[in-house]
Amino acid sequence: MYTELLANIAILVLSGFVGFAVISKVPNTLHTPLMSGTNAIHGIVVLGALVTLGNVQDPSILTQIILFVAVVFGTLNVIGGFVVTDRMLGMFKGKKAAPVKAASAERSEGAA
C-alpha cells in the first residue's frame, strides 16, 4: 500500500519538475495562449476526480478531501483560464460605437 503511495508521490513530484522545465522555456508572449489551451487538461482533471469519487467504494476522509481539492482547484483553473482568454481576446476587439437608440431618442425630443 505504501509503495503505491510513494510511487504516486514520486510521479507527482517528477511531473511538477517536468512542467516547470517546459513552462520556463515558453516565451512570455505565449503564456496566455498556452494557459487558454490547457483548459481542456484541467477539465479532464475535474472529470477524473468526479468519476473517481463516484467509483470509490467507501472512500476514506483523506480520499474525499483530496478529490474535493482536485475538483475545486481544477474548476478554478478552468474558470481562470476562460477569464484570462476572454480578457486577451477583448484586447483585439475594436471600440464600440455609440448606441443607436440613444441617438434616435435625442432626435425625437428635439423635434417636439
PDB file of N, CA and C in Angstrom:
ATOM      1  N   MET A   1       0.831  -1.190   0.000  1.00  0.00           N
ATOM      2  CA  MET A   1       0.000   0.000   0.000  1.00  0.00           C
ATOM      3  C   MET A   1       0.872   1.248   0.000  1.00  0.00           C
ATOM      4  N   TYR A   2       1.906   1.278   0.866  1.00  0.00           N
ATOM      5  CA  TYR A   2       2.748   2.452   0.941  1.00  0.00           C
ATOM      6  C   TYR A   2       3.650   2.592  -0.280  1.00  0.00           C
ATOM      7  N   THR A   3       4.002   1.465  -0.912  1.00  0.00           N
ATOM      8  CA  THR A   3       4.831   1.563  -2.120  1.00  0.00           C
ATOM      9  C   THR A   3       4.051   2.216  -3.251  1.00  0.00           C
ATOM     10  N   GLU A   4       2.763   1.923  -3.339  1.00  0.00           N
ATOM     11  CA  GLU A   4       1.937   2.556  -4.370  1.00  0.00           C
ATOM     12  C   GLU A   4       1.797   4.055  -4.099  1.00  0.00           C
ATOM     13  N   LEU A   5       1.603   4.422  -2.845  1.00  0.00           N
ATOM     14  CA  LEU A   5       1.512   5.836  -2.479  1.00  0.00           C
ATOM     15  C   LEU A   5       2.824   6.551  -2.768  1.00  0.00           C
ATOM     16  N   LEU A   6       3.943   5.913  -2.429  1.00  0.00           N
ATOM     17  CA  LEU A   6       5.253   6.505  -2.686  1.00  0.00           C
ATOM     18  C   LEU A   6       5.496   6.669  -4.190  1.00  0.00           C
ATOM     19  N   ALA A   7       5.072   5.689  -4.981  1.00  0.00           N
ATOM     20  CA  ALA A   7       5.216   5.791  -6.436  1.00  0.00           C
ATOM     21  C   ALA A   7       4.368   6.934  -6.979  1.00  0.00           C
ATOM     22  N   ASN A   8       3.156   7.088  -6.467  1.00  0.00           N
ATOM     23  CA  ASN A   8       2.286   8.183  -6.922  1.00  0.00           C
ATOM     24  C   ASN A   8       2.842   9.543  -6.534  1.00  0.00           C
ATOM     25  N   ILE A   9       3.414   9.652  -5.341  1.00  0.00           N
ATOM     26  CA  ILE A   9       4.025  10.914  -4.920  1.00  0.00           C
ATOM     27  C   ILE A   9       5.251  11.221  -5.775  1.00  0.00           C
ATOM     28  N   ALA A  10       6.037  10.202  -6.102  1.00  0.00           N
ATOM     29  CA  ALA A  10       7.201  10.402  -6.964  1.00  0.00           C
ATOM     30  C   ALA A  10       6.782  10.875  -8.349  1.00  0.00           C
ATOM     31  N   ILE A  11       5.718  10.310  -8.889  1.00  0.00           N
ATOM     32  CA  ILE A  11       5.212  10.742 -10.192  1.00  0.00           C
ATOM     33  C   ILE A  11       4.731  12.186 -10.125  1.00  0.00           C
ATOM     34  N   LEU A  12       4.047  12.547  -9.046  1.00  0.00           N
ATOM     35  CA  LEU A  12       3.573  13.915  -8.872  1.00  0.00           C
ATOM     36  C   LEU A  12       4.736  14.901  -8.819  1.00  0.00           C
ATOM     37  N   VAL A  13       5.767  14.577  -8.052  1.00  0.00           N
ATOM     38  CA  VAL A  13       6.924  15.466  -7.927  1.00  0.00           C
ATOM     39  C   VAL A  13       7.662  15.576  -9.259  1.00  0.00           C
ATOM     40  N   LEU A  14       7.874  14.458  -9.931  1.00  0.00           N
ATOM     41  CA  LEU A  14       8.564  14.493 -11.221  1.00  0.00           C
ATOM     42  C   LEU A  14       7.765  15.259 -12.268  1.00  0.00           C
ATOM     43  N   SER A  15       6.447  15.090 -12.269  1.00  0.00           N
ATOM     44  CA  SER A  15       5.631  15.832 -13.238  1.00  0.00           C
ATOM     45  C   SER A  15       5.671  17.326 -12.937  1.00  0.00           C
ATOM     46  N   GLY A  16       5.797  17.696 -11.658  1.00  0.00           N
ATOM     47  CA  GLY A  16       5.966  19.111 -11.312  1.00  0.00           C
ATOM     48  C   GLY A  16       7.255  19.675 -11.870  1.00  0.00           C
ATOM     49  N   PHE A  17       8.354  18.925 -11.739  1.00  0.00           N
ATOM     50  CA  PHE A  17       9.634  19.369 -12.288  1.00  0.00           C
ATOM     51  C   PHE A  17       9.589  19.459 -13.817  1.00  0.00           C
ATOM     52  N   VAL A  18       8.997  18.467 -14.455  1.00  0.00           N
ATOM     53  CA  VAL A  18       8.896  18.493 -15.918  1.00  0.00           C
ATOM     54  C   VAL A  18       8.026  19.666 -16.374  1.00  0.00           C
ATOM     55  N   GLY A  19       6.906  19.879 -15.692  1.00  0.00           N
ATOM     56  CA  GLY A  19       6.040  21.007 -16.037  1.00  0.00           C
ATOM     57  C   GLY A  19       6.746  22.334 -15.884  1.00  0.00           C
ATOM     58  N   PHE A  20       7.498  22.501 -14.795  1.00  0.00           N
ATOM     59  CA  PHE A  20       8.254  23.739 -14.592  1.00  0.00           C
ATOM     60  C   PHE A  20       9.299  23.926 -15.686  1.00  0.00           C
ATOM     61  N   ALA A  21       9.992  22.846 -16.049  1.00  0.00           N
ATOM     62  CA  ALA A  21      11.022  22.933 -17.087  1.00  0.00           C
ATOM     63  C   ALA A  21      10.418  23.309 -18.439  1.00  0.00           C
ATOM     64  N   VAL A  22       9.253  22.752 -18.739  1.00  0.00           N
ATOM     65  CA  VAL A  22       8.609  23.051 -20.026  1.00  0.00           C
ATOM     66  C   VAL A  22       8.094  24.485 -20.053  1.00  0.00           C
ATOM     67  N   ILE A  23       7.412  24.903 -18.989  1.00  0.00           N
ATOM     68  CA  ILE A  23       6.826  26.240 -18.957  1.00  0.00           C
ATOM     69  C   ILE A  23       7.895  27.322 -18.903  1.00  0.00           C
ATOM     70  N   SER A  24       9.011  27.066 -18.245  1.00  0.00           N
ATOM     71  CA  SER A  24      10.062  28.087 -18.151  1.00  0.00           C
ATOM     72  C   SER A  24      10.712  28.360 -19.505  1.00  0.00           C
ATOM     73  N   LYS A  25      10.574  27.449 -20.452  1.00  0.00           N
ATOM     74  CA  LYS A  25      11.146  27.643 -21.786  1.00  0.00           C
ATOM     75  C   LYS A  25      10.204  28.401 -22.726  1.00  0.00           C
ATOM     76  N   VAL A  26       8.961  28.633 -22.303  1.00  0.00           N
ATOM     77  CA  VAL A  26       7.980  29.313 -23.149  1.00  0.00           C
ATOM     78  C   VAL A  26       8.180  30.822 -23.039  1.00  0.00           C
ATOM     79  N   PRO A  27       8.225  31.534 -24.170  1.00  0.00           N
ATOM     80  CA  PRO A  27       8.361  32.996 -24.110  1.00  0.00           C
ATOM     81  C   PRO A  27       7.141  33.634 -23.431  1.00  0.00           C
ATOM     82  N   ASN A  28       7.350  34.813 -22.849  1.00  0.00           N
ATOM     83  CA  ASN A  28       6.283  35.499 -22.117  1.00  0.00           C
ATOM     84  C   ASN A  28       5.059  35.777 -22.981  1.00  0.00           C
ATOM     85  N   THR A  29       5.254  36.040 -24.258  1.00  0.00           N
ATOM     86  CA  THR A  29       4.121  36.367 -25.131  1.00  0.00           C
ATOM     87  C   THR A  29       3.203  35.175 -25.376  1.00  0.00           C
ATOM     88  N   LEU A  30       3.674  33.969 -25.103  1.00  0.00           N
ATOM     89  CA  LEU A  30       2.863  32.780 -25.350  1.00  0.00           C
ATOM     90  C   LEU A  30       2.234  32.187 -24.093  1.00  0.00           C
ATOM     91  N   HIS A  31       2.485  32.787 -22.919  1.00  0.00           N
ATOM     92  CA  HIS A  31       1.937  32.215 -21.696  1.00  0.00           C
ATOM     93  C   HIS A  31       0.412  32.242 -21.670  1.00  0.00           C
ATOM     94  N   THR A  32      -0.193  33.347 -22.085  1.00  0.00           N
ATOM     95  CA  THR A  32      -1.659  33.446 -22.040  1.00  0.00           C
ATOM     96  C   THR A  32      -2.320  32.487 -23.025  1.00  0.00           C
ATOM     97  N   PRO A  33      -1.882  32.412 -24.286  1.00  0.00           N
ATOM     98  CA  PRO A  33      -2.492  31.405 -25.171  1.00  0.00           C
ATOM     99  C   PRO A  33      -2.260  29.973 -24.689  1.00  0.00           C
ATOM    100  N   LEU A  34      -1.110  29.728 -24.081  1.00  0.00           N
ATOM    101  CA  LEU A  34      -0.835  28.401 -23.545  1.00  0.00           C
ATOM    102  C   LEU A  34      -1.788  28.080 -22.398  1.00  0.00           C
ATOM    103  N   MET A  35      -2.067  29.081 -21.568  1.00  0.00           N
ATOM    104  CA  MET A  35      -2.989  28.869 -20.452  1.00  0.00           C
ATOM    105  C   MET A  35      -4.399  28.582 -20.964  1.00  0.00           C
ATOM    106  N   SER A  36      -4.810  29.293 -21.993  1.00  0.00           N
ATOM    107  CA  SER A  36      -6.153  29.040 -22.521  1.00  0.00           C
ATOM    108  C   SER A  36      -6.230  27.663 -23.170  1.00  0.00           C
ATOM    109  N   GLY A  37      -5.119  27.187 -23.703  1.00  0.00           N
ATOM    110  CA  GLY A  37      -5.119  25.865 -24.307  1.00  0.00           C
ATOM    111  C   GLY A  37      -5.142  24.734 -23.296  1.00  0.00           C
ATOM    112  N   THR A  38      -4.716  25.010 -22.085  1.00  0.00           N
ATOM    113  CA  THR A  38      -4.704  23.968 -21.058  1.00  0.00           C
ATOM    114  C   THR A  38      -6.040  23.834 -20.331  1.00  0.00           C
ATOM    115  N   ASN A  39      -7.029  24.612 -20.710  1.00  0.00           N
ATOM    116  CA  ASN A  39      -8.354  24.476 -20.083  1.00  0.00           C
ATOM    117  C   ASN A  39      -8.896  23.063 -20.259  1.00  0.00           C
ATOM    118  N   ALA A  40      -8.632  22.462 -21.397  1.00  0.00           N
ATOM    119  CA  ALA A  40      -9.117  21.097 -21.634  1.00  0.00           C
ATOM    120  C   ALA A  40      -8.465  20.119 -20.662  1.00  0.00           C
ATOM    121  N   ILE A  41      -7.188  20.327 -20.367  1.00  0.00           N
ATOM    122  CA  ILE A  41      -6.499  19.442 -19.428  1.00  0.00           C
ATOM    123  C   ILE A  41      -7.094  19.579 -18.034  1.00  0.00           C
ATOM    124  N   HIS A  42      -7.370  20.791 -17.624  1.00  0.00           N
ATOM    125  CA  HIS A  42      -7.963  20.997 -16.303  1.00  0.00           C
ATOM    126  C   HIS A  42      -9.383  20.451 -16.255  1.00  0.00           C
ATOM    127  N   GLY A  43     -10.092  20.530 -17.371  1.00  0.00           N
ATOM    128  CA  GLY A  43     -11.416  19.912 -17.425  1.00  0.00           C
ATOM    129  C   GLY A  43     -11.338  18.407 -17.248  1.00  0.00           C
ATOM    130  N   ILE A  44     -10.288  17.797 -17.785  1.00  0.00           N
ATOM    131  CA  ILE A  44     -10.093  16.354 -17.616  1.00  0.00           C
ATOM    132  C   ILE A  44      -9.790  16.032 -16.153  1.00  0.00           C
ATOM    133  N   VAL A  45      -9.043  16.902 -15.474  1.00  0.00           N
ATOM    134  CA  VAL A  45      -8.758  16.703 -14.050  1.00  0.00           C
ATOM    135  C   VAL A  45     -10.062  16.715 -13.250  1.00  0.00           C
ATOM    136  N   VAL A  46     -10.919  17.680 -13.541  1.00  0.00           N
ATOM    137  CA  VAL A  46     -12.203  17.771 -12.833  1.00  0.00           C
ATOM    138  C   VAL A  46     -13.048  16.532 -13.118  1.00  0.00           C
ATOM    139  N   LEU A  47     -13.128  16.150 -14.371  1.00  0.00           N
ATOM    140  CA  LEU A  47     -13.918  14.977 -14.735  1.00  0.00           C
ATOM    141  C   LEU A  47     -13.349  13.709 -14.094  1.00  0.00           C
ATOM    142  N   GLY A  48     -12.023  13.554 -14.105  1.00  0.00           N
ATOM    143  CA  GLY A  48     -11.396  12.382 -13.486  1.00  0.00           C
ATOM    144  C   GLY A  48     -11.646  12.320 -11.991  1.00  0.00           C
ATOM    145  N   ALA A  49     -11.583  13.464 -11.321  1.00  0.00           N
ATOM    146  CA  ALA A  49     -11.838  13.485  -9.877  1.00  0.00           C
ATOM    147  C   ALA A  49     -13.293  13.128  -9.581  1.00  0.00           C
ATOM    148  N   LEU A  50     -14.216  13.623 -10.388  1.00  0.00           N
ATOM    149  CA  LEU A  50     -15.631  13.297 -10.176  1.00  0.00           C
ATOM    150  C   LEU A  50     -15.912  11.819 -10.434  1.00  0.00           C
ATOM    151  N   VAL A  51     -15.323  11.271 -11.495  1.00  0.00           N
ATOM    152  CA  VAL A  51     -15.522   9.848 -11.802  1.00  0.00           C
ATOM    153  C   VAL A  51     -14.904   8.982 -10.704  1.00  0.00           C
ATOM    154  N   THR A  52     -13.709   9.358 -10.264  1.00  0.00           N
ATOM    155  CA  THR A  52     -13.059   8.594  -9.201  1.00  0.00           C
ATOM    156  C   THR A  52     -13.867   8.656  -7.912  1.00  0.00           C
ATOM    157  N   LEU A  53     -14.356   9.823  -7.578  1.00  0.00           N
ATOM    158  CA  LEU A  53     -15.158   9.966  -6.363  1.00  0.00           C
ATOM    159  C   LEU A  53     -16.430   9.134  -6.457  1.00  0.00           C
ATOM    160  N   GLY A  54     -16.998   9.017  -7.647  1.00  0.00           N
ATOM    161  CA  GLY A  54     -18.205   8.217  -7.817  1.00  0.00           C
ATOM    162  C   GLY A  54     -17.954   6.720  -7.808  1.00  0.00           C
ATOM    163  N   ASN A  55     -16.752   6.285  -8.180  1.00  0.00           N
ATOM    164  CA  ASN A  55     -16.458   4.859  -8.283  1.00  0.00           C
ATOM    165  C   ASN A  55     -15.797   4.252  -7.055  1.00  0.00           C
ATOM    166  N   VAL A  56     -15.314   5.069  -6.143  1.00  0.00           N
ATOM    167  CA  VAL A  56     -14.616   4.550  -4.973  1.00  0.00           C
ATOM    168  C   VAL A  56     -15.634   3.989  -3.989  1.00  0.00           C
ATOM    169  N   GLN A  57     -15.399   2.761  -3.555  1.00  0.00           N
ATOM    170  CA  GLN A  57     -16.269   2.130  -2.561  1.00  0.00           C
ATOM    171  C   GLN A  57     -15.817   2.552  -1.170  1.00  0.00           C
ATOM    172  N   ASP A  58     -16.690   3.104  -0.384  1.00  0.00           N
ATOM    173  CA  ASP A  58     -16.404   3.550   0.984  1.00  0.00           C
ATOM    174  C   ASP A  58     -15.105   4.355   1.062  1.00  0.00           C
ATOM    175  N   PRO A  59     -15.062   5.547   0.420  1.00  0.00           N
ATOM    176  CA  PRO A  59     -13.817   6.332   0.433  1.00  0.00           C
ATOM    177  C   PRO A  59     -13.513   6.858   1.834  1.00  0.00           C
ATOM    178  N   SER A  60     -12.241   6.900   2.152  1.00  0.00           N
ATOM    179  CA  SER A  60     -11.831   7.449   3.444  1.00  0.00           C
ATOM    180  C   SER A  60     -11.969   8.969   3.405  1.00  0.00           C
ATOM    181  N   ILE A  61     -11.868   9.579   4.557  1.00  0.00           N
ATOM    182  CA  ILE A  61     -11.968  11.040   4.643  1.00  0.00           C
ATOM    183  C   ILE A  61     -10.832  11.691   3.860  1.00  0.00           C
ATOM    184  N   LEU A  62      -9.624  11.127   3.945  1.00  0.00           N
ATOM    185  CA  LEU A  62      -8.479  11.676   3.213  1.00  0.00           C
ATOM    186  C   LEU A  62      -8.725  11.624   1.704  1.00  0.00           C
ATOM    187  N   THR A  63      -9.258  10.516   1.217  1.00  0.00           N
ATOM    188  CA  THR A  63      -9.564  10.390  -0.211  1.00  0.00           C
ATOM    189  C   THR A  63     -10.614  11.410  -0.625  1.00  0.00           C
ATOM    190  N   GLN A  64     -11.646  11.580   0.173  1.00  0.00           N
ATOM    191  CA  GLN A  64     -12.689  12.555  -0.137  1.00  0.00           C
ATOM    192  C   GLN A  64     -12.125  13.975  -0.169  1.00  0.00           C
ATOM    193  N   ILE A  65     -11.234  14.282   0.780  1.00  0.00           N
ATOM    194  CA  ILE A  65     -10.647  15.629   0.818  1.00  0.00           C
ATOM    195  C   ILE A  65      -9.774  15.874  -0.401  1.00  0.00           C
ATOM    196  N   ILE A  66      -8.944  14.887  -0.756  1.00  0.00           N
ATOM    197  CA  ILE A  66      -8.059  15.037  -1.910  1.00  0.00           C
ATOM    198  C   ILE A  66      -8.873  15.204  -3.195  1.00  0.00           C
ATOM    199  N   LEU A  67      -9.918  14.404  -3.356  1.00  0.00           N
ATOM    200  CA  LEU A  67     -10.742  14.523  -4.556  1.00  0.00           C
ATOM    201  C   LEU A  67     -11.503  15.845  -4.575  1.00  0.00           C
ATOM    202  N   PHE A  68     -11.968  16.293  -3.429  1.00  0.00           N
ATOM    203  CA  PHE A  68     -12.662  17.589  -3.369  1.00  0.00           C
ATOM    204  C   PHE A  68     -11.716  18.725  -3.745  1.00  0.00           C
ATOM    205  N   VAL A  69     -10.487  18.677  -3.220  1.00  0.00           N
ATOM    206  CA  VAL A  69      -9.496  19.707  -3.555  1.00  0.00           C
ATOM    207  C   VAL A  69      -9.166  19.663  -5.049  1.00  0.00           C
ATOM    208  N   ALA A  70      -9.067  18.463  -5.621  1.00  0.00           N
ATOM    209  CA  ALA A  70      -8.805  18.342  -7.061  1.00  0.00           C
ATOM    210  C   ALA A  70      -9.935  18.966  -7.869  1.00  0.00           C
ATOM    211  N   VAL A  71     -11.178  18.732  -7.455  1.00  0.00           N
ATOM    212  CA  VAL A  71     -12.316  19.312  -8.170  1.00  0.00           C
ATOM    213  C   VAL A  71     -12.301  20.836  -8.046  1.00  0.00           C
ATOM    214  N   VAL A  72     -12.056  21.344  -6.846  1.00  0.00           N
ATOM    215  CA  VAL A  72     -12.061  22.799  -6.636  1.00  0.00           C
ATOM    216  C   VAL A  72     -10.933  23.463  -7.415  1.00  0.00           C
ATOM    217  N   PHE A  73      -9.708  22.958  -7.289  1.00  0.00           N
ATOM    218  CA  PHE A  73      -8.580  23.575  -7.990  1.00  0.00           C
ATOM    219  C   PHE A  73      -8.714  23.441  -9.503  1.00  0.00           C
ATOM    220  N   GLY A  74      -9.170  22.290  -9.973  1.00  0.00           N
ATOM    221  CA  GLY A  74      -9.388  22.126 -11.407  1.00  0.00           C
ATOM    222  C   GLY A  74     -10.435  23.092 -11.931  1.00  0.00           C
ATOM    223  N   THR A  75     -11.511  23.272 -11.176  1.00  0.00           N
ATOM    224  CA  THR A  75     -12.562  24.203 -11.579  1.00  0.00           C
ATOM    225  C   THR A  75     -12.047  25.635 -11.582  1.00  0.00           C
ATOM    226  N   LEU A  76     -11.273  26.005 -10.569  1.00  0.00           N
ATOM    227  CA  LEU A  76     -10.696  27.354 -10.539  1.00  0.00           C
ATOM    228  C   LEU A  76      -9.763  27.583 -11.724  1.00  0.00           C
ATOM    229  N   ASN A  77      -8.986  26.576 -12.088  1.00  0.00           N
ATOM    230  CA  ASN A  77      -8.096  26.713 -13.247  1.00  0.00           C
ATOM    231  C   ASN A  77      -8.879  26.880 -14.539  1.00  0.00           C
ATOM    232  N   VAL A  78      -9.954  26.118 -14.695  1.00  0.00           N
ATOM    233  CA  VAL A  78     -10.766  26.233 -15.905  1.00  0.00           C
ATOM    234  C   VAL A  78     -11.390  27.620 -15.985  1.00  0.00           C
ATOM    235  N   ILE A  79     -11.998  28.068 -14.893  1.00  0.00           N
ATOM    236  CA  ILE A  79     -12.638  29.384 -14.891  1.00  0.00           C
ATOM    237  C   ILE A  79     -11.606  30.492 -15.104  1.00  0.00           C
ATOM    238  N   GLY A  80     -10.484  30.398 -14.401  1.00  0.00           N
ATOM    239  CA  GLY A  80      -9.437  31.396 -14.567  1.00  0.00           C
ATOM    240  C   GLY A  80      -8.889  31.430 -15.985  1.00  0.00           C
ATOM    241  N   GLY A  81      -8.735  30.269 -16.585  1.00  0.00           N
ATOM    242  CA  GLY A  81      -8.258  30.222 -17.969  1.00  0.00           C
ATOM    243  C   GLY A  81      -9.224  30.880 -18.928  1.00  0.00           C
ATOM    244  N   PHE A  82     -10.521  30.644 -18.726  1.00  0.00           N
ATOM    245  CA  PHE A  82     -11.508  31.282 -19.593  1.00  0.00           C
ATOM    246  C   PHE A  82     -11.562  32.790 -19.368  1.00  0.00           C
ATOM    247  N   VAL A  83     -11.407  33.239 -18.131  1.00  0.00           N
ATOM    248  CA  VAL A  83     -11.412  34.679 -17.852  1.00  0.00           C
ATOM    249  C   VAL A  83     -10.217  35.349 -18.514  1.00  0.00           C
ATOM    250  N   VAL A  84      -9.043  34.744 -18.375  1.00  0.00           N
ATOM    251  CA  VAL A  84      -7.843  35.316 -18.988  1.00  0.00           C
ATOM    252  C   VAL A  84      -7.959  35.307 -20.510  1.00  0.00           C
ATOM    253  N   THR A  85      -8.493  34.222 -21.063  1.00  0.00           N
ATOM    254  CA  THR A  85      -8.670  34.162 -22.513  1.00  0.00           C
ATOM    255  C   THR A  85      -9.642  35.227 -22.991  1.00  0.00           C
ATOM    256  N   ASP A  86     -10.725  35.432 -22.247  1.00  0.00           N
ATOM    257  CA  ASP A  86     -11.693  36.462 -22.622  1.00  0.00           C
ATOM    258  C   ASP A  86     -11.060  37.849 -22.581  1.00  0.00           C
ATOM    259  N   ARG A  87     -10.267  38.107 -21.559  1.00  0.00           N
ATOM    260  CA  ARG A  87      -9.591  39.408 -21.479  1.00  0.00           C
ATOM    261  C   ARG A  87      -8.581  39.571 -22.605  1.00  0.00           C
ATOM    262  N   MET A  88      -7.872  38.481 -22.929  1.00  0.00           N
ATOM    263  CA  MET A  88      -6.893  38.551 -24.000  1.00  0.00           C
ATOM    264  C   MET A  88      -7.568  38.833 -25.333  1.00  0.00           C
ATOM    265  N   LEU A  89      -8.673  38.135 -25.596  1.00  0.00           N
ATOM    266  CA  LEU A  89      -9.389  38.363 -26.848  1.00  0.00           C
ATOM    267  C   LEU A  89     -10.048  39.734 -26.865  1.00  0.00           C
ATOM    268  N   GLY A  90     -10.426  40.253 -25.700  1.00  0.00           N
ATOM    269  CA  GLY A  90     -11.015  41.588 -25.619  1.00  0.00           C
ATOM    270  C   GLY A  90     -10.045  42.678 -26.037  1.00  0.00           C
ATOM    271  N   MET A  91      -8.749  42.435 -25.916  1.00  0.00           N
ATOM    272  CA  MET A  91      -7.760  43.430 -26.334  1.00  0.00           C
ATOM    273  C   MET A  91      -7.764  43.624 -27.847  1.00  0.00           C
ATOM    274  N   PHE A  92      -8.243  42.627 -28.585  1.00  0.00           N
ATOM    275  CA  PHE A  92      -8.213  42.707 -30.036  1.00  0.00           C
ATOM    276  C   PHE A  92      -9.521  43.218 -30.629  1.00  0.00           C
ATOM    277  N   LYS A  93     -10.531  43.453 -29.792  1.00  0.00           N
ATOM    278  CA  LYS A  93     -11.799  43.975 -30.287  1.00  0.00           C
ATOM    279  C   LYS A  93     -11.703  45.482 -30.426  1.00  0.00           C
ATOM    280  N   GLY A  94     -12.431  46.023 -31.410  1.00  0.00           N
ATOM    281  CA  GLY A  94     -12.454  47.467 -31.598  1.00  0.00           C
ATOM    282  C   GLY A  94     -13.357  48.120 -30.564  1.00  0.00           C
ATOM    283  N   LYS A  95     -13.295  49.453 -30.507  1.00  0.00           N
ATOM    284  CA  LYS A  95     -14.158  50.169 -29.573  1.00  0.00           C
ATOM    285  C   LYS A  95     -15.583  50.144 -30.088  1.00  0.00           C
ATOM    286  N   LYS A  96     -16.534  50.092 -29.144  1.00  0.00           N
ATOM    287  CA  LYS A  96     -17.941  50.013 -29.516  1.00  0.00           C
ATOM    288  C   LYS A  96     -18.446  51.371 -29.979  1.00  0.00           C
ATOM    289  N   ALA A  97     -19.332  51.351 -30.966  1.00  0.00           N
ATOM    290  CA  ALA A  97     -19.953  52.574 -31.455  1.00  0.00           C
ATOM    291  C   ALA A  97     -21.032  53.019 -30.472  1.00  0.00           C
ATOM    292  N   ALA A  98     -21.434  54.286 -30.583  1.00  0.00           N
ATOM    293  CA  ALA A  98     -22.489  54.815 -29.711  1.00  0.00           C
ATOM    294  C   ALA A  98     -23.787  54.085 -30.002  1.00  0.00           C
ATOM    295  N   PRO A  99     -24.590  53.814 -28.981  1.00  0.00           N
ATOM    296  CA  PRO A  99     -25.861  53.116 -29.208  1.00  0.00           C
ATOM    297  C   PRO A  99     -26.788  53.911 -30.115  1.00  0.00           C
ATOM    298  N   VAL A 100     -27.463  53.243 -31.020  1.00  0.00           N
ATOM    299  CA  VAL A 100     -28.353  53.879 -31.992  1.00  0.00           C
ATOM    300  C   VAL A 100     -29.623  54.366 -31.308  1.00  0.00           C
ATOM    301  N   LYS A 101     -30.128  53.653 -30.305  1.00  0.00           N
ATOM    302  CA  LYS A 101     -31.373  54.030 -29.640  1.00  0.00           C
ATOM    303  C   LYS A 101     -31.249  55.380 -28.954  1.00  0.00           C
ATOM    304  N   ALA A 102     -30.120  55.667 -28.343  1.00  0.00           N
ATOM    305  CA  ALA A 102     -29.940  56.933 -27.650  1.00  0.00           C
ATOM    306  C   ALA A 102     -29.938  58.092 -28.637  1.00  0.00           C
ATOM    307  N   ALA A 103     -29.332  57.901 -29.786  1.00  0.00           N
ATOM    308  CA  ALA A 103     -29.286  58.956 -30.791  1.00  0.00           C
ATOM    309  C   ALA A 103     -30.677  59.212 -31.370  1.00  0.00           C
ATOM    310  N   SER A 104     -31.483  58.172 -31.618  1.00  0.00           N
ATOM    311  CA  SER A 104     -32.829  58.381 -32.162  1.00  0.00           C
ATOM    312  C   SER A 104     -33.746  59.003 -31.137  1.00  0.00           C
ATOM    313  N   ALA A 105     -33.549  58.728 -29.845  1.00  0.00           N
ATOM    314  CA  ALA A 105     -34.374  59.329 -28.794  1.00  0.00           C
ATOM    315  C   ALA A 105     -34.083  60.825 -28.686  1.00  0.00           C
ATOM    316  N   GLU A 106     -32.825  61.214 -28.856  1.00  0.00           N
ATOM    317  CA  GLU A 106     -32.485  62.640 -28.796  1.00  0.00           C
ATOM    318  C   GLU A 106     -33.082  63.395 -29.962  1.00  0.00           C
ATOM    319  N   ARG A 107     -33.114  62.779 -31.140  1.00  0.00           N
ATOM    320  CA  ARG A 107     -33.700  63.438 -32.322  1.00  0.00           C
ATOM    321  C   ARG A 107     -35.196  63.650 -32.139  1.00  0.00           C
ATOM    322  N   SER A 108     -35.878  62.654 -31.548  1.00  0.00           N
ATOM    323  CA  SER A 108     -37.332  62.780 -31.386  1.00  0.00           C
ATOM    324  C   SER A 108     -37.674  63.844 -30.328  1.00  0.00           C
ATOM    325  N   GLU A 109     -36.831  64.027 -29.324  1.00  0.00           N
ATOM    326  CA  GLU A 109     -37.072  65.053 -28.314  1.00  0.00           C
ATOM    327  C   GLU A 109     -36.834  66.430 -28.903  1.00  0.00           C
ATOM    328  N   GLY A 110     -35.840  66.559 -29.772  1.00  0.00           N
ATOM    329  CA  GLY A 110     -35.529  67.849 -30.396  1.00  0.00           C
ATOM    330  C   GLY A 110     -36.618  68.281 -31.368  1.00  0.00           C
ATOM    331  N   ALA A 111     -37.301  67.342 -31.989  1.00  0.00           N
ATOM    332  CA  ALA A 111     -38.365  67.660 -32.955  1.00  0.00           C
ATOM    333  C   ALA A 111     -39.625  68.088 -32.252  1.00  0.00           C
ATOM    334  N   ALA A 112     -39.824  67.698 -31.029  1.00  0.00           N
ATOM    335  CA  ALA A 112     -41.076  68.006 -30.316  1.00  0.00           C
ATOM    336  C   ALA A 112     -41.078  69.342 -29.700  1.00  0.00           C
TER     337      ALA A 112
END
